[in-house]
Amino acid sequence: MNTKQKEFENGILTNQMDVNSNDFEKLQAKLLNKSRERNDEQRLKIELLALRFKIEDYLQNEDPEIKSAGEFIKQYLKVLQIKQYSFANYIGIKPSNLSKLLKGDRPINYELALILGKVFKINPIYWIEIQAKNELIRLKKEKDKELHNYSLRDLLKSNKNIVPHYL
């Protein structure tokens, strides 16, 4: 079996490259030239796509660091060069409420999630999931000791059920 076929089957699409090599410098130069050729619309599209990936990554990541939905909204507004006051008026909320939302002091309701989804072209459920994830992280930290009292093994034992050895 040739090396390229083996790499493909293993999920590796390229060989490791020495970052001090001429080949690497050529690759960097080529990528830099390609990025310079992009127009403003292409750059904006890439930045918005990157933001969506950041949200998806946050939702899938097990890291207990909390990032509020407001932090992501701020990033969208920055990329799109939209003032907070203008955005608040556009979506029909008071600027002070938007400010609280951006700080993480105010939750996103379902209606606002729909609006944000429509405006930023992102699935509205993401905004609710960010909020739900953050609330679960907060509660887990707060109730961590109490949560250790619960297990399926103990429940089965207390009901005199058979306890599988893998539990």
C-alpha atoms as a PDB file:
ATOM      1  CA  MET A   1       0.000   0.000   0.000  1.00  0.00           C
ATOM      2  CA  ASN A   2       1.466   3.361  -0.935  1.00  0.00           C
ATOM      3  CA  THR A   3       2.092   6.052   1.674  1.00  0.00           C
ATOM      4  CA  LYS A   4      -0.565   8.477   0.397  1.00  0.00           C
ATOM      5  CA  GLN A   5      -3.273   5.772   0.523  1.00  0.00           C
ATOM      6  CA  LYS A   6      -2.159   4.781   4.034  1.00  0.00           C
ATOM      7  CA  GLU A   7      -2.211   8.439   5.186  1.00  0.00           C
ATOM      8  CA  PHE A   8      -5.713   8.897   3.801  1.00  0.00           C
ATOM      9  CA  GLU A   9      -7.002   5.799   5.592  1.00  0.00           C
ATOM     10  CA  ASN A  10      -5.441   6.961   8.858  1.00  0.00           C
ATOM     11  CA  GLY A  11      -7.062  10.375   8.534  1.00  0.00           C
ATOM     12  CA  ILE A  12      -3.767  12.109   7.885  1.00  0.00           C
ATOM     13  CA  LEU A  13      -3.827  14.170   4.732  1.00  0.00           C
ATOM     14  CA  THR A  14      -0.320  15.627   4.845  1.00  0.00           C
ATOM     15  CA  ASN A  15       3.099  14.767   6.132  1.00  0.00           C
ATOM     16  CA  GLN A  16       4.572  16.845   8.897  1.00  0.00           C
ATOM     17  CA  MET A  17       6.394  19.880   7.529  1.00  0.00           C
ATOM     18  CA  ASP A  18       9.494  21.453   8.984  1.00  0.00           C
ATOM     19  CA  VAL A  19       8.505  25.039   9.832  1.00  0.00           C
ATOM     20  CA  ASN A  20      12.072  26.196   9.153  1.00  0.00           C
ATOM     21  CA  SER A  21      12.135  24.787   5.623  1.00  0.00           C
ATOM     22  CA  ASN A  22      11.960  26.620   2.303  1.00  0.00           C
ATOM     23  CA  ASP A  23       8.813  24.655   1.453  1.00  0.00           C
ATOM     24  CA  PHE A  24       7.081  26.013   4.539  1.00  0.00           C
ATOM     25  CA  GLU A  25       8.123  29.571   3.708  1.00  0.00           C
ATOM     26  CA  LYS A  26       6.778  29.121   0.169  1.00  0.00           C
ATOM     27  CA  LEU A  27       3.488  27.795   1.542  1.00  0.00           C
ATOM     28  CA  GLN A  28       3.201  30.750   3.927  1.00  0.00           C
ATOM     29  CA  ALA A  29       3.902  33.208   1.120  1.00  0.00           C
ATOM     30  CA  LYS A  30       1.319  31.558  -1.124  1.00  0.00           C
ATOM     31  CA  LEU A  31      -1.330  31.634   1.620  1.00  0.00           C
ATOM     32  CA  LEU A  32      -0.539  35.262   2.401  1.00  0.00           C
ATOM     33  CA  ASN A  33      -0.879  36.219  -1.274  1.00  0.00           C
ATOM     34  CA  LYS A  34      -4.207  34.371  -1.514  1.00  0.00           C
ATOM     35  CA  SER A  35      -5.524  36.174   1.565  1.00  0.00           C
ATOM     36  CA  ARG A  36      -4.485  39.541   0.119  1.00  0.00           C
ATOM     37  CA  GLU A  37      -6.429  38.774  -3.074  1.00  0.00           C
ATOM     38  CA  ARG A  38      -9.711  38.509  -1.147  1.00  0.00           C
ATOM     39  CA  ASN A  39     -12.161  41.357  -1.448  1.00  0.00           C
ATOM     40  CA  ASP A  40     -13.922  42.919   1.566  1.00  0.00           C
ATOM     41  CA  GLU A  41     -17.035  40.769   1.112  1.00  0.00           C
ATOM     42  CA  GLN A  42     -14.966  37.574   1.103  1.00  0.00           C
ATOM     43  CA  ARG A  43     -13.068  38.664   4.224  1.00  0.00           C
ATOM     44  CA  LEU A  44     -16.327  39.461   6.002  1.00  0.00           C
ATOM     45  CA  LYS A  45     -17.833  36.114   5.028  1.00  0.00           C
ATOM     46  CA  ILE A  46     -14.766  34.309   6.409  1.00  0.00           C
ATOM     47  CA  GLU A  47     -14.855  36.282   9.682  1.00  0.00           C
ATOM     48  CA  LEU A  48     -18.562  35.540  10.168  1.00  0.00           C
ATOM     49  CA  LEU A  49     -17.997  31.874   9.439  1.00  0.00           C
ATOM     50  CA  ALA A  50     -15.131  31.846  11.947  1.00  0.00           C
ATOM     51  CA  LEU A  51     -17.461  33.333  14.588  1.00  0.00           C
ATOM     52  CA  ARG A  52     -20.039  30.620  13.949  1.00  0.00           C
ATOM     53  CA  PHE A  53     -17.302  27.999  14.335  1.00  0.00           C
ATOM     54  CA  LYS A  54     -16.240  29.610  17.626  1.00  0.00           C
ATOM     55  CA  ILE A  55     -19.797  29.260  18.916  1.00  0.00           C
ATOM     56  CA  GLU A  56     -20.047  25.646  17.760  1.00  0.00           C
ATOM     57  CA  ASP A  57     -16.656  24.891  19.298  1.00  0.00           C
ATOM     58  CA  TYR A  58     -17.704  26.488  22.586  1.00  0.00           C
ATOM     59  CA  LEU A  59     -20.870  24.409  22.689  1.00  0.00           C
ATOM     60  CA  GLN A  60     -19.013  21.151  22.016  1.00  0.00           C
ATOM     61  CA  ASN A  61     -16.049  21.898  24.273  1.00  0.00           C
ATOM     62  CA  GLU A  62     -16.068  20.403  27.772  1.00  0.00           C
ATOM     63  CA  ASP A  63     -13.990  23.278  29.189  1.00  0.00           C
ATOM     64  CA  PRO A  64     -15.854  24.757  32.169  1.00  0.00           C
ATOM     65  CA  GLU A  65     -14.886  28.331  31.264  1.00  0.00           C
ATOM     66  CA  ILE A  66     -18.044  30.392  30.792  1.00  0.00           C
ATOM     67  CA  LYS A  67     -18.466  32.619  27.751  1.00  0.00           C
ATOM     68  CA  SER A  68     -21.721  34.502  27.693  1.00  0.00           C
ATOM     69  CA  ALA A  69     -23.845  34.802  24.589  1.00  0.00           C
ATOM     70  CA  GLY A  70     -23.189  38.528  24.940  1.00  0.00           C
ATOM     71  CA  GLU A  71     -19.491  37.972  24.282  1.00  0.00           C
ATOM     72  CA  PHE A  72     -20.333  36.363  20.954  1.00  0.00           C
ATOM     73  CA  ILE A  73     -22.822  39.112  20.088  1.00  0.00           C
ATOM     74  CA  LYS A  74     -20.108  41.715  20.791  1.00  0.00           C
ATOM     75  CA  GLN A  75     -17.809  39.912  18.379  1.00  0.00           C
ATOM     76  CA  TYR A  76     -20.491  39.937  15.674  1.00  0.00           C
ATOM     77  CA  LEU A  77     -21.109  43.642  16.175  1.00  0.00           C
ATOM     78  CA  LYS A  78     -17.382  44.367  16.012  1.00  0.00           C
ATOM     79  CA  VAL A  79     -16.860  42.355  12.813  1.00  0.00           C
ATOM     80  CA  LEU A  80     -19.904  43.952  11.197  1.00  0.00           C
ATOM     81  CA  GLN A  81     -18.939  47.415  12.526  1.00  0.00           C
ATOM     82  CA  ILE A  82     -22.375  47.987  14.070  1.00  0.00           C
ATOM     83  CA  LYS A  83     -22.748  50.288  17.069  1.00  0.00           C
ATOM     84  CA  GLN A  84     -24.503  48.799  20.103  1.00  0.00           C
ATOM     85  CA  TYR A  85     -27.019  51.649  20.212  1.00  0.00           C
ATOM     86  CA  SER A  86     -27.989  51.115  16.550  1.00  0.00           C
ATOM     87  CA  PHE A  87     -28.246  47.376  17.055  1.00  0.00           C
ATOM     88  CA  ALA A  88     -30.457  47.744  20.138  1.00  0.00           C
ATOM     89  CA  ASN A  89     -32.806  50.039  18.257  1.00  0.00           C
ATOM     90  CA  TYR A  90     -32.849  47.759  15.224  1.00  0.00           C
ATOM     91  CA  ILE A  91     -33.862  44.677  17.214  1.00  0.00           C
ATOM     92  CA  GLY A  92     -36.326  46.625  19.345  1.00  0.00           C
ATOM     93  CA  ILE A  93     -34.757  46.586  22.797  1.00  0.00           C
ATOM     94  CA  LYS A  94     -33.504  49.367  25.027  1.00  0.00           C
ATOM     95  CA  PRO A  95     -29.778  50.070  24.734  1.00  0.00           C
ATOM     96  CA  SER A  96     -29.463  49.535  28.508  1.00  0.00           C
ATOM     97  CA  ASN A  97     -30.981  46.042  28.139  1.00  0.00           C
ATOM     98  CA  LEU A  98     -28.567  45.246  25.318  1.00  0.00           C
ATOM     99  CA  SER A  99     -25.709  46.407  27.503  1.00  0.00           C
ATOM    100  CA  LYS A 100     -26.834  44.029  30.280  1.00  0.00           C
ATOM    101  CA  LEU A 101     -27.150  41.224  27.738  1.00  0.00           C
ATOM    102  CA  LEU A 102     -23.636  41.851  26.410  1.00  0.00           C
ATOM    103  CA  LYS A 103     -22.243  41.776  29.960  1.00  0.00           C
ATOM    104  CA  GLY A 104     -24.005  38.490  30.662  1.00  0.00           C
ATOM    105  CA  ASP A 105     -26.291  40.064  33.261  1.00  0.00           C
ATOM    106  CA  ARG A 106     -29.451  39.422  31.250  1.00  0.00           C
ATOM    107  CA  PRO A 107     -30.560  36.143  29.647  1.00  0.00           C
ATOM    108  CA  ILE A 108     -31.582  35.643  26.059  1.00  0.00           C
ATOM    109  CA  ASN A 109     -35.239  34.690  25.693  1.00  0.00           C
ATOM    110  CA  TYR A 110     -36.577  32.573  22.846  1.00  0.00           C
ATOM    111  CA  GLU A 111     -37.858  35.538  20.864  1.00  0.00           C
ATOM    112  CA  LEU A 112     -34.485  37.254  21.043  1.00  0.00           C
ATOM    113  CA  ALA A 113     -32.765  34.000  20.052  1.00  0.00           C
ATOM    114  CA  LEU A 114     -34.954  33.937  16.931  1.00  0.00           C
ATOM    115  CA  ILE A 115     -34.059  37.541  16.128  1.00  0.00           C
ATOM    116  CA  LEU A 116     -30.328  36.954  16.677  1.00  0.00           C
ATOM    117  CA  GLY A 117     -30.530  33.818  14.575  1.00  0.00           C
ATOM    118  CA  LYS A 118     -32.141  35.705  11.724  1.00  0.00           C
ATOM    119  CA  VAL A 119     -29.844  38.737  11.921  1.00  0.00           C
ATOM    120  CA  PHE A 120     -26.577  36.803  12.213  1.00  0.00           C
ATOM    121  CA  LYS A 121     -27.681  33.856  10.050  1.00  0.00           C
ATOM    122  CA  ILE A 122     -27.002  31.319  12.772  1.00  0.00           C
ATOM    123  CA  ASN A 123     -29.269  28.645  14.210  1.00  0.00           C
ATOM    124  CA  PRO A 124     -31.293  30.325  17.014  1.00  0.00           C
ATOM    125  CA  ILE A 125     -30.913  27.246  19.203  1.00  0.00           C
ATOM    126  CA  TYR A 126     -27.209  28.075  19.559  1.00  0.00           C
ATOM    127  CA  TRP A 127     -28.048  31.177  21.589  1.00  0.00           C
ATOM    128  CA  ILE A 128     -30.265  29.143  23.918  1.00  0.00           C
ATOM    129  CA  GLU A 129     -27.659  26.364  24.145  1.00  0.00           C
ATOM    130  CA  ILE A 130     -24.927  28.843  25.120  1.00  0.00           C
ATOM    131  CA  GLN A 131     -27.137  30.078  27.914  1.00  0.00           C
ATOM    132  CA  ALA A 132     -28.117  26.556  29.011  1.00  0.00           C
ATOM    133  CA  LYS A 133     -24.495  25.385  29.001  1.00  0.00           C
ATOM    134  CA  ASN A 134     -23.445  28.356  31.116  1.00  0.00           C
ATOM    135  CA  GLU A 135     -26.244  27.780  33.611  1.00  0.00           C
ATOM    136  CA  LEU A 136     -25.283  24.110  33.935  1.00  0.00           C
ATOM    137  CA  ILE A 137     -21.627  25.044  34.504  1.00  0.00           C
ATOM    138  CA  ARG A 138     -22.651  27.519  37.238  1.00  0.00           C
ATOM    139  CA  LEU A 139     -24.949  25.007  38.926  1.00  0.00           C
ATOM    140  CA  LYS A 140     -22.384  22.213  38.712  1.00  0.00           C
ATOM    141  CA  LYS A 141     -19.800  24.375  40.469  1.00  0.00           C
ATOM    142  CA  GLU A 142     -22.340  25.389  43.095  1.00  0.00           C
ATOM    143  CA  LYS A 143     -23.770  21.900  43.714  1.00  0.00           C
ATOM    144  CA  ASP A 144     -20.700  19.755  42.974  1.00  0.00           C
ATOM    145  CA  LYS A 145     -20.511  18.175  46.438  1.00  0.00           C
ATOM    146  CA  GLU A 146     -24.216  17.353  46.469  1.00  0.00           C
ATOM    147  CA  LEU A 147     -24.051  15.767  43.032  1.00  0.00           C
ATOM    148  CA  HIS A 148     -21.576  13.172  44.282  1.00  0.00           C
ATOM    149  CA  ASN A 149     -24.419  11.680  46.336  1.00  0.00           C
ATOM    150  CA  TYR A 150     -26.147  10.419  43.187  1.00  0.00           C
ATOM    151  CA  SER A 151     -25.240   7.362  41.170  1.00  0.00           C
ATOM    152  CA  LEU A 152     -27.064   4.678  39.257  1.00  0.00           C
ATOM    153  CA  ARG A 153     -25.071   2.035  41.147  1.00  0.00           C
ATOM    154  CA  ASP A 154     -26.356   3.300  44.525  1.00  0.00           C
ATOM    155  CA  LEU A 155     -29.908   3.578  43.234  1.00  0.00           C
ATOM    156  CA  LEU A 156     -29.895  -0.033  42.022  1.00  0.00           C
ATOM    157  CA  LYS A 157     -28.349  -1.243  45.281  1.00  0.00           C
ATOM    158  CA  SER A 158     -30.953   0.554  47.377  1.00  0.00           C
ATOM    159  CA  ASN A 159     -33.742  -1.070  45.340  1.00  0.00           C
ATOM    160  CA  LYS A 160     -32.058  -4.476  45.613  1.00  0.00           C
ATOM    161  CA  ASN A 161     -31.669  -4.701  41.844  1.00  0.00           C
ATOM    162  CA  ILE A 162     -28.839  -6.480  40.117  1.00  0.00           C
ATOM    163  CA  VAL A 163     -25.942  -4.085  39.728  1.00  0.00           C
ATOM    164  CA  PRO A 164     -23.971  -4.694  36.547  1.00  0.00           C
ATOM    165  CA  HIS A 165     -20.228  -4.781  37.218  1.00  0.00           C
ATOM    166  CA  TYR A 166     -19.520  -2.087  34.611  1.00  0.00           C
ATOM    167  CA  LEU A 167     -21.356   0.553  36.690  1.00  0.00           C
END
